[in-house]
């Protein structure tokens, strides 16, 4: 079973995304911000990370840099899902190592399609 770490500081968004991924047969681990995600990543390496960008303690850009600079997680695909929709935001996210960048609100099938593309 594919294991996905979902990172978002909004409990409602975290619950919605997690439920949608579980409906599609994915195992979900939840983290409430980037720092929480790092602890989860140290305990268990997921197959993919879906993260928000704007979060307390450690934002999504910082989390992505940490993931891509760590030997045990550098090959884990990262999808950024955020309200930051300017072209520069997407450029900056990809420059940090993100493998995909979706702007909120997005259509749930788009997230599933992106996950399937990255783990195939």
PDB file of N, CA and C in Angstrom:
ATOM      1  N   UNK A   1       0.836  -1.181   0.000  1.00  0.00           N
ATOM      2  CA  UNK A   1       0.000   0.000   0.000  1.00  0.00           C
ATOM      3  C   UNK A   1       0.884   1.248   0.000  1.00  0.00           C
ATOM      4  N   UNK A   2       0.533   2.214  -0.823  1.00  0.00           N
ATOM      5  CA  UNK A   2       1.289   3.458  -0.924  1.00  0.00           C
ATOM      6  C   UNK A   2       1.021   4.310   0.316  1.00  0.00           C
ATOM      7  N   UNK A   3       2.117   4.791   0.932  1.00  0.00           N
ATOM      8  CA  UNK A   3       2.013   5.595   2.148  1.00  0.00           C
ATOM      9  C   UNK A   3       2.280   7.063   1.810  1.00  0.00           C
ATOM     10  N   UNK A   4       1.327   7.945   2.181  1.00  0.00           N
ATOM     11  CA  UNK A   4       1.428   9.371   1.882  1.00  0.00           C
ATOM     12  C   UNK A   4       1.422  10.168   3.183  1.00  0.00           C
ATOM     13  N   UNK A   5       2.400  11.063   3.326  1.00  0.00           N
ATOM     14  CA  UNK A   5       2.423  11.995   4.451  1.00  0.00           C
ATOM     15  C   UNK A   5       1.724  13.270   3.997  1.00  0.00           C
ATOM     16  N   UNK A   6       0.644  13.639   4.685  1.00  0.00           N
ATOM     17  CA  UNK A   6      -0.112  14.851   4.372  1.00  0.00           C
ATOM     18  C   UNK A   6       0.193  15.882   5.455  1.00  0.00           C
ATOM     19  N   UNK A   7       0.629  17.080   5.025  1.00  0.00           N
ATOM     20  CA  UNK A   7       1.052  18.121   5.963  1.00  0.00           C
ATOM     21  C   UNK A   7       0.235  19.386   5.725  1.00  0.00           C
ATOM     22  N   UNK A   8      -0.527  19.805   6.730  1.00  0.00           N
ATOM     23  CA  UNK A   8      -1.312  21.038   6.621  1.00  0.00           C
ATOM     24  C   UNK A   8      -1.670  21.502   8.024  1.00  0.00           C
ATOM     25  N   UNK A   9      -1.579  22.799   8.274  1.00  0.00           N
ATOM     26  CA  UNK A   9      -1.895  23.318   9.602  1.00  0.00           C
ATOM     27  C   UNK A   9      -3.392  23.530   9.815  1.00  0.00           C
ATOM     28  N   UNK A  10      -4.185  23.397   8.769  1.00  0.00           N
ATOM     29  CA  UNK A  10      -5.639  23.514   8.898  1.00  0.00           C
ATOM     30  C   UNK A  10      -6.228  22.129   9.169  1.00  0.00           C
ATOM     31  N   UNK A  11      -6.810  21.910  10.354  1.00  0.00           N
ATOM     32  CA  UNK A  11      -7.392  20.599  10.656  1.00  0.00           C
ATOM     33  C   UNK A  11      -8.446  20.173   9.636  1.00  0.00           C
ATOM     34  N   UNK A  12      -9.233  21.124   9.143  1.00  0.00           N
ATOM     35  CA  UNK A  12     -10.281  20.800   8.176  1.00  0.00           C
ATOM     36  C   UNK A  12      -9.677  20.310   6.852  1.00  0.00           C
ATOM     37  N   UNK A  13      -8.672  21.017   6.352  1.00  0.00           N
ATOM     38  CA  UNK A  13      -8.027  20.616   5.093  1.00  0.00           C
ATOM     39  C   UNK A  13      -7.326  19.276   5.278  1.00  0.00           C
ATOM     40  N   UNK A  14      -6.635  19.120   6.395  1.00  0.00           N
ATOM     41  CA  UNK A  14      -5.931  17.868   6.679  1.00  0.00           C
ATOM     42  C   UNK A  14      -6.904  16.692   6.673  1.00  0.00           C
ATOM     43  N   UNK A  15      -8.048  16.875   7.307  1.00  0.00           N
ATOM     44  CA  UNK A  15      -9.059  15.813   7.365  1.00  0.00           C
ATOM     45  C   UNK A  15      -9.634  15.515   5.979  1.00  0.00           C
ATOM     46  N   UNK A  16      -9.934  16.567   5.209  1.00  0.00           N
ATOM     47  CA  UNK A  16     -10.510  16.376   3.867  1.00  0.00           C
ATOM     48  C   UNK A  16      -9.546  15.648   2.931  1.00  0.00           C
ATOM     49  N   UNK A  17      -8.299  16.110   2.895  1.00  0.00           N
ATOM     50  CA  UNK A  17      -7.310  15.492   2.005  1.00  0.00           C
ATOM     51  C   UNK A  17      -7.058  14.049   2.431  1.00  0.00           C
ATOM     52  N   UNK A  18      -6.885  13.827   3.723  1.00  0.00           N
ATOM     53  CA  UNK A  18      -6.634  12.471   4.228  1.00  0.00           C
ATOM     54  C   UNK A  18      -7.774  11.525   3.871  1.00  0.00           C
ATOM     55  N   UNK A  19      -9.012  11.964   4.080  1.00  0.00           N
ATOM     56  CA  UNK A  19     -10.175  11.124   3.772  1.00  0.00           C
ATOM     57  C   UNK A  19     -10.220  10.789   2.287  1.00  0.00           C
ATOM     58  N   UNK A  20      -9.933  11.772   1.448  1.00  0.00           N
ATOM     59  CA  UNK A  20      -9.958  11.544  -0.004  1.00  0.00           C
ATOM     60  C   UNK A  20      -8.891  10.520  -0.416  1.00  0.00           C
ATOM     61  N   UNK A  21      -7.706  10.649   0.143  1.00  0.00           N
ATOM     62  CA  UNK A  21      -6.632   9.710  -0.203  1.00  0.00           C
ATOM     63  C   UNK A  21      -6.953   8.299   0.292  1.00  0.00           C
ATOM     64  N   UNK A  22      -7.520   8.205   1.486  1.00  0.00           N
ATOM     65  CA  UNK A  22      -7.893   6.889   2.027  1.00  0.00           C
ATOM     66  C   UNK A  22      -8.964   6.228   1.163  1.00  0.00           C
ATOM     67  N   UNK A  23      -9.893   7.029   0.637  1.00  0.00           N
ATOM     68  CA  UNK A  23     -10.934   6.491  -0.249  1.00  0.00           C
ATOM     69  C   UNK A  23     -10.326   5.881  -1.505  1.00  0.00           C
ATOM     70  N   UNK A  24      -9.138   6.341  -1.865  1.00  0.00           N
ATOM     71  CA  UNK A  24      -8.455   5.820  -3.050  1.00  0.00           C
ATOM     72  C   UNK A  24      -7.410   4.758  -2.691  1.00  0.00           C
ATOM     73  N   UNK A  25      -7.522   4.203  -1.484  1.00  0.00           N
ATOM     74  CA  UNK A  25      -6.681   3.079  -1.098  1.00  0.00           C
ATOM     75  C   UNK A  25      -5.277   3.431  -0.663  1.00  0.00           C
ATOM     76  N   UNK A  26      -5.038   4.691  -0.315  1.00  0.00           N
ATOM     77  CA  UNK A  26      -3.710   5.100   0.125  1.00  0.00           C
ATOM     78  C   UNK A  26      -3.650   5.119   1.649  1.00  0.00           C
ATOM     79  N   UNK A  27      -2.506   4.743   2.191  1.00  0.00           N
ATOM     80  CA  UNK A  27      -2.282   4.847   3.636  1.00  0.00           C
ATOM     81  C   UNK A  27      -1.851   6.281   3.916  1.00  0.00           C
ATOM     82  N   UNK A  28      -2.398   6.902   4.945  1.00  0.00           N
ATOM     83  CA  UNK A  28      -2.125   8.312   5.221  1.00  0.00           C
ATOM     84  C   UNK A  28      -1.514   8.494   6.608  1.00  0.00           C
ATOM     85  N   UNK A  29      -0.466   9.305   6.646  1.00  0.00           N
ATOM     86  CA  UNK A  29       0.128   9.775   7.899  1.00  0.00           C
ATOM     87  C   UNK A  29      -0.116  11.280   7.904  1.00  0.00           C
ATOM     88  N   UNK A  30      -0.518  11.843   9.036  1.00  0.00           N
ATOM     89  CA  UNK A  30      -0.826  13.273   9.100  1.00  0.00           C
ATOM     90  C   UNK A  30       0.195  14.023   9.942  1.00  0.00           C
ATOM     91  N   UNK A  31       0.518  15.249   9.501  1.00  0.00           N
ATOM     92  CA  UNK A  31       1.373  16.155  10.266  1.00  0.00           C
ATOM     93  C   UNK A  31       0.745  17.542  10.207  1.00  0.00           C
ATOM     94  N   UNK A  32       0.898  18.305  11.293  1.00  0.00           N
ATOM     95  CA  UNK A  32       0.211  19.590  11.414  1.00  0.00           C
ATOM     96  C   UNK A  32       1.049  20.791  10.997  1.00  0.00           C
ATOM     97  N   UNK A  33       2.323  20.591  10.732  1.00  0.00           N
ATOM     98  CA  UNK A  33       3.198  21.636  10.200  1.00  0.00           C
ATOM     99  C   UNK A  33       4.505  20.975   9.774  1.00  0.00           C
ATOM    100  N   UNK A  34       5.413  21.771   9.232  1.00  0.00           N
ATOM    101  CA  UNK A  34       6.660  21.208   8.731  1.00  0.00           C
ATOM    102  C   UNK A  34       7.501  20.533   9.796  1.00  0.00           C
ATOM    103  N   UNK A  35       7.566  21.132  10.988  1.00  0.00           N
ATOM    104  CA  UNK A  35       8.367  20.543  12.066  1.00  0.00           C
ATOM    105  C   UNK A  35       7.792  19.187  12.490  1.00  0.00           C
ATOM    106  N   UNK A  36       6.480  19.103  12.573  1.00  0.00           N
ATOM    107  CA  UNK A  36       5.813  17.836  12.888  1.00  0.00           C
ATOM    108  C   UNK A  36       6.105  16.811  11.786  1.00  0.00           C
ATOM    109  N   UNK A  37       6.106  17.268  10.542  1.00  0.00           N
ATOM    110  CA  UNK A  37       6.384  16.381   9.405  1.00  0.00           C
ATOM    111  C   UNK A  37       7.794  15.807   9.477  1.00  0.00           C
ATOM    112  N   UNK A  38       8.765  16.629   9.863  1.00  0.00           N
ATOM    113  CA  UNK A  38      10.151  16.149   9.979  1.00  0.00           C
ATOM    114  C   UNK A  38      10.217  15.004  10.985  1.00  0.00           C
ATOM    115  N   UNK A  39       9.530  15.150  12.116  1.00  0.00           N
ATOM    116  CA  UNK A  39       9.514  14.077  13.119  1.00  0.00           C
ATOM    117  C   UNK A  39       8.895  12.802  12.544  1.00  0.00           C
ATOM    118  N   UNK A  40       7.815  12.942  11.792  1.00  0.00           N
ATOM    119  CA  UNK A  40       7.168  11.774  11.170  1.00  0.00           C
ATOM    120  C   UNK A  40       8.099  11.137  10.136  1.00  0.00           C
ATOM    121  N   UNK A  41       8.808  11.978   9.378  1.00  0.00           N
ATOM    122  CA  UNK A  41       9.729  11.472   8.356  1.00  0.00           C
ATOM    123  C   UNK A  41      10.909  10.733   8.981  1.00  0.00           C
ATOM    124  N   UNK A  42      11.359  11.194  10.126  1.00  0.00           N
ATOM    125  CA  UNK A  42      12.459  10.519  10.820  1.00  0.00           C
ATOM    126  C   UNK A  42      12.021   9.142  11.325  1.00  0.00           C
ATOM    127  N   UNK A  43      10.744   9.015  11.667  1.00  0.00           N
ATOM    128  CA  UNK A  43      10.217   7.749  12.193  1.00  0.00           C
ATOM    129  C   UNK A  43       9.898   6.743  11.094  1.00  0.00           C
ATOM    130  N   UNK A  44       9.433   7.240   9.929  1.00  0.00           N
ATOM    131  CA  UNK A  44       9.005   6.353   8.848  1.00  0.00           C
ATOM    132  C   UNK A  44       9.002   7.120   7.530  1.00  0.00           C
ATOM    133  N   UNK A  45       9.621   6.556   6.515  1.00  0.00           N
ATOM    134  CA  UNK A  45       9.694   7.235   5.222  1.00  0.00           C
ATOM    135  C   UNK A  45       8.481   6.886   4.368  1.00  0.00           C
ATOM    136  N   UNK A  46       7.693   7.899   3.986  1.00  0.00           N
ATOM    137  CA  UNK A  46       6.529   7.646   3.134  1.00  0.00           C
ATOM    138  C   UNK A  46       6.949   7.502   1.673  1.00  0.00           C
ATOM    139  N   UNK A  47       6.007   7.119   0.837  1.00  0.00           N
ATOM    140  CA  UNK A  47       6.262   7.034  -0.602  1.00  0.00           C
ATOM    141  C   UNK A  47       6.126   8.396  -1.270  1.00  0.00           C
ATOM    142  N   UNK A  48       5.420   9.322  -0.600  1.00  0.00           N
ATOM    143  CA  UNK A  48       5.146  10.629  -1.186  1.00  0.00           C
ATOM    144  C   UNK A  48       4.694  11.582  -0.081  1.00  0.00           C
ATOM    145  N   UNK A  49       4.962  12.888  -0.274  1.00  0.00           N
ATOM    146  CA  UNK A  49       4.530  13.917   0.678  1.00  0.00           C
ATOM    147  C   UNK A  49       3.645  14.923  -0.050  1.00  0.00           C
ATOM    148  N   UNK A  50       2.501  15.244   0.559  1.00  0.00           N
ATOM    149  CA  UNK A  50       1.619  16.313   0.080  1.00  0.00           C
ATOM    150  C   UNK A  50       1.652  17.380   1.164  1.00  0.00           C
ATOM    151  N   UNK A  51       2.125  18.588   0.828  1.00  0.00           N
ATOM    152  CA  UNK A  51       2.267  19.614   1.857  1.00  0.00           C
ATOM    153  C   UNK A  51       1.692  20.963   1.455  1.00  0.00           C
ATOM    154  N   UNK A  52       1.165  21.656   2.448  1.00  0.00           N
ATOM    155  CA  UNK A  52       0.789  23.053   2.315  1.00  0.00           C
ATOM    156  C   UNK A  52       2.095  23.852   2.323  1.00  0.00           C
ATOM    157  N   UNK A  53       2.030  25.128   1.993  1.00  0.00           N
ATOM    158  CA  UNK A  53       3.222  25.977   2.044  1.00  0.00           C
ATOM    159  C   UNK A  53       3.204  26.861   3.284  1.00  0.00           C
ATOM    160  N   UNK A  54       2.118  27.575   3.510  1.00  0.00           N
ATOM    161  CA  UNK A  54       2.047  28.535   4.612  1.00  0.00           C
ATOM    162  C   UNK A  54       1.637  27.809   5.894  1.00  0.00           C
ATOM    163  N   UNK A  55       2.646  27.584   6.771  1.00  0.00           N
ATOM    164  CA  UNK A  55       2.419  26.880   8.038  1.00  0.00           C
ATOM    165  C   UNK A  55       3.351  27.457   9.094  1.00  0.00           C
ATOM    166  N   UNK A  56       2.987  27.333  10.377  1.00  0.00           N
ATOM    167  CA  UNK A  56       3.874  27.805  11.446  1.00  0.00           C
ATOM    168  C   UNK A  56       5.069  26.871  11.636  1.00  0.00           C
ATOM    169  N   UNK A  57       6.034  27.335  12.369  1.00  0.00           N
ATOM    170  CA  UNK A  57       7.253  26.610  12.769  1.00  0.00           C
ATOM    171  C   UNK A  57       8.161  26.260  11.599  1.00  0.00           C
ATOM    172  N   UNK A  58       7.678  25.600  10.580  1.00  0.00           N
ATOM    173  CA  UNK A  58       8.467  25.286   9.385  1.00  0.00           C
ATOM    174  C   UNK A  58       7.501  25.264   8.217  1.00  0.00           C
ATOM    175  N   UNK A  59       7.724  26.150   7.240  1.00  0.00           N
ATOM    176  CA  UNK A  59       6.789  26.205   6.109  1.00  0.00           C
ATOM    177  C   UNK A  59       7.079  25.102   5.088  1.00  0.00           C
ATOM    178  N   UNK A  60       6.237  25.013   4.083  1.00  0.00           N
ATOM    179  CA  UNK A  60       6.371  23.958   3.081  1.00  0.00           C
ATOM    180  C   UNK A  60       7.643  24.037   2.259  1.00  0.00           C
ATOM    181  N   UNK A  61       8.115  25.261   1.991  1.00  0.00           N
ATOM    182  CA  UNK A  61       9.375  25.416   1.252  1.00  0.00           C
ATOM    183  C   UNK A  61      10.533  24.852   2.075  1.00  0.00           C
ATOM    184  N   UNK A  62      10.571  25.212   3.365  1.00  0.00           N
ATOM    185  CA  UNK A  62      11.625  24.714   4.251  1.00  0.00           C
ATOM    186  C   UNK A  62      11.543  23.196   4.384  1.00  0.00           C
ATOM    187  N   UNK A  63      10.336  22.675   4.511  1.00  0.00           N
ATOM    188  CA  UNK A  63      10.148  21.227   4.609  1.00  0.00           C
ATOM    189  C   UNK A  63      10.664  20.534   3.354  1.00  0.00           C
ATOM    190  N   UNK A  64      10.320  21.069   2.201  1.00  0.00           N
ATOM    191  CA  UNK A  64      10.761  20.470   0.940  1.00  0.00           C
ATOM    192  C   UNK A  64      12.287  20.464   0.850  1.00  0.00           C
ATOM    193  N   UNK A  65      12.926  21.573   1.223  1.00  0.00           N
ATOM    194  CA  UNK A  65      14.399  21.621   1.218  1.00  0.00           C
ATOM    195  C   UNK A  65      14.969  20.569   2.157  1.00  0.00           C
ATOM    196  N   UNK A  66      14.354  20.399   3.348  1.00  0.00           N
ATOM    197  CA  UNK A  66      14.830  19.399   4.302  1.00  0.00           C
ATOM    198  C   UNK A  66      14.704  18.000   3.702  1.00  0.00           C
ATOM    199  N   UNK A  67      13.558  17.706   3.107  1.00  0.00           N
ATOM    200  CA  UNK A  67      13.326  16.385   2.512  1.00  0.00           C
ATOM    201  C   UNK A  67      14.364  16.097   1.435  1.00  0.00           C
ATOM    202  N   UNK A  68      14.594  17.051   0.547  1.00  0.00           N
ATOM    203  CA  UNK A  68      15.482  16.834  -0.598  1.00  0.00           C
ATOM    204  C   UNK A  68      16.959  16.845  -0.215  1.00  0.00           C
ATOM    205  N   UNK A  69      17.298  17.377   0.968  1.00  0.00           N
ATOM    206  CA  UNK A  69      18.700  17.401   1.393  1.00  0.00           C
ATOM    207  C   UNK A  69      19.050  16.249   2.331  1.00  0.00           C
ATOM    208  N   UNK A  70      18.061  15.460   2.721  1.00  0.00           N
ATOM    209  CA  UNK A  70      18.275  14.356   3.640  1.00  0.00           C
ATOM    210  C   UNK A  70      18.460  13.064   2.839  1.00  0.00           C
ATOM    211  N   UNK A  71      19.525  12.341   3.116  1.00  0.00           N
ATOM    212  CA  UNK A  71      19.852  11.135   2.342  1.00  0.00           C
ATOM    213  C   UNK A  71      18.721  10.106   2.322  1.00  0.00           C
ATOM    214  N   UNK A  72      18.002   9.949   3.427  1.00  0.00           N
ATOM    215  CA  UNK A  72      16.971   8.907   3.479  1.00  0.00           C
ATOM    216  C   UNK A  72      15.643   9.330   2.847  1.00  0.00           C
ATOM    217  N   UNK A  73      15.475  10.624   2.556  1.00  0.00           N
ATOM    218  CA  UNK A  73      14.198  11.090   2.002  1.00  0.00           C
ATOM    219  C   UNK A  73      14.340  11.830   0.673  1.00  0.00           C
ATOM    220  N   UNK A  74      15.554  11.999   0.186  1.00  0.00           N
ATOM    221  CA  UNK A  74      15.775  12.844  -1.001  1.00  0.00           C
ATOM    222  C   UNK A  74      15.022  12.385  -2.247  1.00  0.00           C
ATOM    223  N   UNK A  75      14.684  11.112  -2.323  1.00  0.00           N
ATOM    224  CA  UNK A  75      13.972  10.597  -3.499  1.00  0.00           C
ATOM    225  C   UNK A  75      12.452  10.542  -3.309  1.00  0.00           C
ATOM    226  N   UNK A  76      11.962  11.010  -2.168  1.00  0.00           N
ATOM    227  CA  UNK A  76      10.517  11.020  -1.908  1.00  0.00           C
ATOM    228  C   UNK A  76       9.896  12.194  -2.674  1.00  0.00           C
ATOM    229  N   UNK A  77       8.937  11.921  -3.560  1.00  0.00           N
ATOM    230  CA  UNK A  77       8.287  13.009  -4.296  1.00  0.00           C
ATOM    231  C   UNK A  77       7.496  13.920  -3.352  1.00  0.00           C
ATOM    232  N   UNK A  78       7.510  15.221  -3.657  1.00  0.00           N
ATOM    233  CA  UNK A  78       6.797  16.215  -2.858  1.00  0.00           C
ATOM    234  C   UNK A  78       5.812  16.964  -3.749  1.00  0.00           C
ATOM    235  N   UNK A  79       4.549  17.008  -3.311  1.00  0.00           N
ATOM    236  CA  UNK A  79       3.523  17.808  -3.983  1.00  0.00           C
ATOM    237  C   UNK A  79       3.170  18.955  -3.055  1.00  0.00           C
ATOM    238  N   UNK A  80       3.316  20.178  -3.539  1.00  0.00           N
ATOM    239  CA  UNK A  80       2.886  21.342  -2.769  1.00  0.00           C
ATOM    240  C   UNK A  80       1.468  21.691  -3.186  1.00  0.00           C
ATOM    241  N   UNK A  81       0.573  21.812  -2.210  1.00  0.00           N
ATOM    242  CA  UNK A  81      -0.823  22.214  -2.436  1.00  0.00           C
ATOM    243  C   UNK A  81      -1.054  23.471  -1.611  1.00  0.00           C
ATOM    244  N   UNK A  82      -1.247  24.600  -2.274  1.00  0.00           N
ATOM    245  CA  UNK A  82      -1.280  25.863  -1.557  1.00  0.00           C
ATOM    246  C   UNK A  82      -2.159  26.903  -2.229  1.00  0.00           C
ATOM    247  N   UNK A  83      -2.526  27.913  -1.460  1.00  0.00           N
ATOM    248  CA  UNK A  83      -3.273  29.044  -2.021  1.00  0.00           C
ATOM    249  C   UNK A  83      -2.336  30.028  -2.712  1.00  0.00           C
ATOM    250  N   UNK A  84      -1.033  29.855  -2.542  1.00  0.00           N
ATOM    251  CA  UNK A  84      -0.061  30.757  -3.178  1.00  0.00           C
ATOM    252  C   UNK A  84      -0.029  30.446  -4.675  1.00  0.00           C
ATOM    253  N   UNK A  85      -0.719  31.282  -5.447  1.00  0.00           N
ATOM    254  CA  UNK A  85      -0.970  30.945  -6.851  1.00  0.00           C
ATOM    255  C   UNK A  85      -0.206  31.789  -7.869  1.00  0.00           C
ATOM    256  N   UNK A  86       0.629  32.703  -7.406  1.00  0.00           N
ATOM    257  CA  UNK A  86       1.407  33.514  -8.345  1.00  0.00           C
ATOM    258  C   UNK A  86       2.448  32.639  -9.048  1.00  0.00           C
ATOM    259  N   UNK A  87       2.811  33.024 -10.252  1.00  0.00           N
ATOM    260  CA  UNK A  87       3.796  32.262 -11.029  1.00  0.00           C
ATOM    261  C   UNK A  87       5.114  32.129 -10.263  1.00  0.00           C
ATOM    262  N   UNK A  88       5.518  33.209  -9.568  1.00  0.00           N
ATOM    263  CA  UNK A  88       6.762  33.144  -8.801  1.00  0.00           C
ATOM    264  C   UNK A  88       6.665  32.120  -7.677  1.00  0.00           C
ATOM    265  N   UNK A  89       5.495  32.002  -7.040  1.00  0.00           N
ATOM    266  CA  UNK A  89       5.321  31.021  -5.965  1.00  0.00           C
ATOM    267  C   UNK A  89       5.563  29.605  -6.483  1.00  0.00           C
ATOM    268  N   UNK A  90       5.002  29.314  -7.643  1.00  0.00           N
ATOM    269  CA  UNK A  90       5.195  27.993  -8.254  1.00  0.00           C
ATOM    270  C   UNK A  90       6.669  27.788  -8.600  1.00  0.00           C
ATOM    271  N   UNK A  91       7.273  28.805  -9.210  1.00  0.00           N
ATOM    272  CA  UNK A  91       8.704  28.738  -9.543  1.00  0.00           C
ATOM    273  C   UNK A  91       9.523  28.452  -8.282  1.00  0.00           C
ATOM    274  N   UNK A  92       9.242  29.191  -7.209  1.00  0.00           N
ATOM    275  CA  UNK A  92      10.005  29.043  -5.970  1.00  0.00           C
ATOM    276  C   UNK A  92       9.797  27.653  -5.360  1.00  0.00           C
ATOM    277  N   UNK A  93       8.571  27.158  -5.399  1.00  0.00           N
ATOM    278  CA  UNK A  93       8.295  25.819  -4.884  1.00  0.00           C
ATOM    279  C   UNK A  93       9.064  24.745  -5.638  1.00  0.00           C
ATOM    280  N   UNK A  94       9.076  24.856  -6.953  1.00  0.00           N
ATOM    281  CA  UNK A  94       9.798  23.874  -7.768  1.00  0.00           C
ATOM    282  C   UNK A  94      11.309  24.004  -7.534  1.00  0.00           C
ATOM    283  N   UNK A  95      11.777  25.222  -7.330  1.00  0.00           N
ATOM    284  CA  UNK A  95      13.206  25.449  -7.070  1.00  0.00           C
ATOM    285  C   UNK A  95      13.622  24.825  -5.734  1.00  0.00           C
ATOM    286  N   UNK A  96      12.693  24.716  -4.787  1.00  0.00           N
ATOM    287  CA  UNK A  96      12.993  24.095  -3.493  1.00  0.00           C
ATOM    288  C   UNK A  96      13.040  22.575  -3.592  1.00  0.00           C
ATOM    289  N   UNK A  97      12.610  22.045  -4.740  1.00  0.00           N
ATOM    290  CA  UNK A  97      12.659  20.600  -4.944  1.00  0.00           C
ATOM    291  C   UNK A  97      11.310  19.928  -5.101  1.00  0.00           C
ATOM    292  N   UNK A  98      10.228  20.707  -5.092  1.00  0.00           N
ATOM    293  CA  UNK A  98       8.898  20.104  -5.257  1.00  0.00           C
ATOM    294  C   UNK A  98       8.801  19.407  -6.609  1.00  0.00           C
ATOM    295  N   UNK A  99       8.113  18.296  -6.633  1.00  0.00           N
ATOM    296  CA  UNK A  99       7.919  17.544  -7.875  1.00  0.00           C
ATOM    297  C   UNK A  99       6.642  17.958  -8.585  1.00  0.00           C
ATOM    298  N   UNK A 100       5.719  18.578  -7.842  1.00  0.00           N
ATOM    299  CA  UNK A 100       4.472  19.089  -8.426  1.00  0.00           C
ATOM    300  C   UNK A 100       3.961  20.210  -7.532  1.00  0.00           C
ATOM    301  N   UNK A 101       3.161  21.101  -8.117  1.00  0.00           N
ATOM    302  CA  UNK A 101       2.644  22.269  -7.399  1.00  0.00           C
ATOM    303  C   UNK A 101       1.196  22.472  -7.809  1.00  0.00           C
ATOM    304  N   UNK A 102       0.276  22.286  -6.878  1.00  0.00           N
ATOM    305  CA  UNK A 102      -1.152  22.477  -7.137  1.00  0.00           C
ATOM    306  C   UNK A 102      -1.648  23.663  -6.323  1.00  0.00           C
ATOM    307  N   UNK A 103      -2.481  24.504  -6.940  1.00  0.00           N
ATOM    308  CA  UNK A 103      -3.025  25.633  -6.196  1.00  0.00           C
ATOM    309  C   UNK A 103      -4.431  25.309  -5.700  1.00  0.00           C
ATOM    310  N   UNK A 104      -4.698  25.734  -4.460  1.00  0.00           N
ATOM    311  CA  UNK A 104      -6.013  25.548  -3.852  1.00  0.00           C
ATOM    312  C   UNK A 104      -6.923  26.670  -4.326  1.00  0.00           C
ATOM    313  N   UNK A 105      -8.185  26.413  -4.560  1.00  0.00           N
ATOM    314  CA  UNK A 105      -8.790  25.088  -4.482  1.00  0.00           C
ATOM    315  C   UNK A 105      -8.462  24.274  -5.734  1.00  0.00           C
ATOM    316  N   UNK A 106      -8.214  23.017  -5.559  1.00  0.00           N
ATOM    317  CA  UNK A 106      -7.946  22.124  -6.688  1.00  0.00           C
ATOM    318  C   UNK A 106      -9.030  21.054  -6.693  1.00  0.00           C
ATOM    319  N   UNK A 107      -9.175  20.391  -7.808  1.00  0.00           N
ATOM    320  CA  UNK A 107     -10.149  19.305  -7.910  1.00  0.00           C
ATOM    321  C   UNK A 107      -9.504  18.038  -7.357  1.00  0.00           C
ATOM    322  N   UNK A 108     -10.151  17.343  -6.422  1.00  0.00           N
ATOM    323  CA  UNK A 108      -9.567  16.135  -5.835  1.00  0.00           C
ATOM    324  C   UNK A 108      -9.025  15.130  -6.857  1.00  0.00           C
ATOM    325  N   UNK A 109      -9.705  14.902  -8.007  1.00  0.00           N
ATOM    326  CA  UNK A 109      -9.128  13.967  -8.979  1.00  0.00           C
ATOM    327  C   UNK A 109      -7.756  14.422  -9.502  1.00  0.00           C
ATOM    328  N   UNK A 110      -7.526  15.732  -9.508  1.00  0.00           N
ATOM    329  CA  UNK A 110      -6.233  16.258  -9.954  1.00  0.00           C
ATOM    330  C   UNK A 110      -5.122  15.821  -9.001  1.00  0.00           C
ATOM    331  N   UNK A 111      -5.400  15.827  -7.703  1.00  0.00           N
ATOM    332  CA  UNK A 111      -4.408  15.383  -6.723  1.00  0.00           C
ATOM    333  C   UNK A 111      -4.127  13.898  -6.895  1.00  0.00           C
ATOM    334  N   UNK A 112      -5.160  13.088  -7.042  1.00  0.00           N
ATOM    335  CA  UNK A 112      -4.980  11.642  -7.227  1.00  0.00           C
ATOM    336  C   UNK A 112      -4.179  11.366  -8.496  1.00  0.00           C
ATOM    337  N   UNK A 113      -4.498  12.058  -9.584  1.00  0.00           N
ATOM    338  CA  UNK A 113      -3.779  11.885 -10.850  1.00  0.00           C
ATOM    339  C   UNK A 113      -2.298  12.235 -10.679  1.00  0.00           C
ATOM    340  N   UNK A 114      -2.018  13.323  -9.973  1.00  0.00           N
ATOM    341  CA  UNK A 114      -0.634  13.749  -9.753  1.00  0.00           C
ATOM    342  C   UNK A 114       0.113  12.730  -8.901  1.00  0.00           C
ATOM    343  N   UNK A 115      -0.530  12.217  -7.863  1.00  0.00           N
ATOM    344  CA  UNK A 115       0.095  11.196  -7.017  1.00  0.00           C
ATOM    345  C   UNK A 115       0.427   9.961  -7.849  1.00  0.00           C
ATOM    346  N   UNK A 116      -0.522   9.503  -8.646  1.00  0.00           N
ATOM    347  CA  UNK A 116      -0.289   8.307  -9.475  1.00  0.00           C
ATOM    348  C   UNK A 116       0.863   8.518 -10.445  1.00  0.00           C
ATOM    349  N   UNK A 117       0.955   9.710 -11.022  1.00  0.00           N
ATOM    350  CA  UNK A 117       2.051  10.002 -11.951  1.00  0.00           C
ATOM    351  C   UNK A 117       3.403   9.944 -11.238  1.00  0.00           C
ATOM    352  N   UNK A 118       3.456  10.462 -10.026  1.00  0.00           N
ATOM    353  CA  UNK A 118       4.729  10.539  -9.309  1.00  0.00           C
ATOM    354  C   UNK A 118       5.177   9.216  -8.703  1.00  0.00           C
ATOM    355  N   UNK A 119       4.252   8.310  -8.425  1.00  0.00           N
ATOM    356  CA  UNK A 119       4.662   7.040  -7.804  1.00  0.00           C
ATOM    357  C   UNK A 119       4.740   5.890  -8.801  1.00  0.00           C
ATOM    358  N   UNK A 120       4.395   6.161 -10.059  1.00  0.00           N
ATOM    359  CA  UNK A 120       4.432   5.070 -11.045  1.00  0.00           C
ATOM    360  C   UNK A 120       5.844   4.797 -11.523  1.00  0.00           C
TER     361      UNK A 120
END
